[in-house]
Amino acid sequence: MLLNDTRNDRQRLAYLLAGSVERHTGAGQWTGAMVGVVFTAALVLLILWAFFRLGVG
């Protein structure tokens, strides 16, 4: 449950970041969405790697 809540929070953060990048660069909505998806995926992979690295997984 905690991991799922954290993931949702990070997705919101990623969407906010994507929106910020989109406004500053003048990029289209598709580009902003892709930045958010890539950023979220990178965070999730980093979290999973950290869990396995610490032996929690």
C-alpha atoms as a PDB file:
ATOM      1  CA  MET A   1       0.000   0.000   0.000  1.00  0.00           C
ATOM      2  CA  LEU A   2       2.751   2.423   0.953  1.00  0.00           C
ATOM      3  CA  LEU A   3       4.671   1.745  -2.263  1.00  0.00           C
ATOM      4  CA  ASN A   4       1.522   2.283  -4.332  1.00  0.00           C
ATOM      5  CA  ASP A   5       0.779   5.584  -2.584  1.00  0.00           C
ATOM      6  CA  THR A   6       4.376   6.691  -3.134  1.00  0.00           C
ATOM      7  CA  ARG A   7       4.161   5.778  -6.807  1.00  0.00           C
ATOM      8  CA  ASN A   8       0.977   7.841  -7.196  1.00  0.00           C
ATOM      9  CA  ASP A   9       2.654  10.807  -5.513  1.00  0.00           C
ATOM     10  CA  ARG A  10       5.660  10.479  -7.803  1.00  0.00           C
ATOM     11  CA  GLN A  11       3.389  10.279 -10.851  1.00  0.00           C
ATOM     12  CA  ARG A  12       1.713  13.520  -9.780  1.00  0.00           C
ATOM     13  CA  LEU A  13       5.150  15.077  -9.298  1.00  0.00           C
ATOM     14  CA  ALA A  14       6.226  13.841 -12.729  1.00  0.00           C
ATOM     15  CA  TYR A  15       3.111  15.322 -14.363  1.00  0.00           C
ATOM     16  CA  LEU A  16       3.718  18.635 -12.601  1.00  0.00           C
ATOM     17  CA  LEU A  17       7.343  18.590 -13.770  1.00  0.00           C
ATOM     18  CA  ALA A  18       6.265  17.723 -17.318  1.00  0.00           C
ATOM     19  CA  GLY A  19       3.804  20.624 -17.268  1.00  0.00           C
ATOM     20  CA  SER A  20       6.542  22.947 -16.038  1.00  0.00           C
ATOM     21  CA  VAL A  21       8.947  21.771 -18.751  1.00  0.00           C
ATOM     22  CA  GLU A  22       6.216  22.185 -21.354  1.00  0.00           C
ATOM     23  CA  ARG A  23       5.512  25.767 -20.285  1.00  0.00           C
ATOM     24  CA  HIS A  24       9.181  26.753 -20.209  1.00  0.00           C
ATOM     25  CA  THR A  25      10.150  25.128 -23.513  1.00  0.00           C
ATOM     26  CA  GLY A  26       6.921  25.805 -25.391  1.00  0.00           C
ATOM     27  CA  ALA A  27       6.833  22.118 -26.345  1.00  0.00           C
ATOM     28  CA  GLY A  28       3.605  20.397 -27.289  1.00  0.00           C
ATOM     29  CA  GLN A  29       1.381  18.373 -24.975  1.00  0.00           C
ATOM     30  CA  TRP A  30       2.752  15.087 -26.382  1.00  0.00           C
ATOM     31  CA  THR A  31       6.326  16.076 -25.485  1.00  0.00           C
ATOM     32  CA  GLY A  32       5.281  17.087 -21.980  1.00  0.00           C
ATOM     33  CA  ALA A  33       3.483  13.778 -21.485  1.00  0.00           C
ATOM     34  CA  MET A  34       6.502  11.820 -22.742  1.00  0.00           C
ATOM     35  CA  VAL A  35       8.802  13.667 -20.326  1.00  0.00           C
ATOM     36  CA  GLY A  36       6.425  12.778 -17.500  1.00  0.00           C
ATOM     37  CA  VAL A  37       6.274   9.107 -18.507  1.00  0.00           C
ATOM     38  CA  VAL A  38      10.056   8.802 -18.851  1.00  0.00           C
ATOM     39  CA  PHE A  39      10.646  10.635 -15.563  1.00  0.00           C
ATOM     40  CA  THR A  40       8.122   8.424 -13.738  1.00  0.00           C
ATOM     41  CA  ALA A  41       9.599   5.244 -15.230  1.00  0.00           C
ATOM     42  CA  ALA A  42      13.098   6.318 -14.194  1.00  0.00           C
ATOM     43  CA  LEU A  43      11.952   7.005 -10.621  1.00  0.00           C
ATOM     44  CA  VAL A  44      10.141   3.661 -10.352  1.00  0.00           C
ATOM     45  CA  LEU A  45      13.184   1.791 -11.682  1.00  0.00           C
ATOM     46  CA  LEU A  46      15.445   3.668  -9.265  1.00  0.00           C
ATOM     47  CA  ILE A  47      13.170   2.780  -6.326  1.00  0.00           C
ATOM     48  CA  LEU A  48      13.026  -0.886  -7.361  1.00  0.00           C
ATOM     49  CA  TRP A  49      16.803  -0.995  -7.798  1.00  0.00           C
ATOM     50  CA  ALA A  50      17.272   0.536  -4.334  1.00  0.00           C
ATOM     51  CA  PHE A  51      14.951  -2.064  -2.760  1.00  0.00           C
ATOM     52  CA  PHE A  52      16.800  -4.978  -4.350  1.00  0.00           C
ATOM     53  CA  ARG A  53      20.171  -3.380  -3.567  1.00  0.00           C
ATOM     54  CA  LEU A  54      19.223  -3.109   0.108  1.00  0.00           C
ATOM     55  CA  GLY A  55      17.941  -6.676   0.095  1.00  0.00           C
ATOM     56  CA  VAL A  56      14.345  -5.723   0.879  1.00  0.00           C
ATOM     57  CA  GLY A  57      13.032  -7.312  -2.313  1.00  0.00           C
END
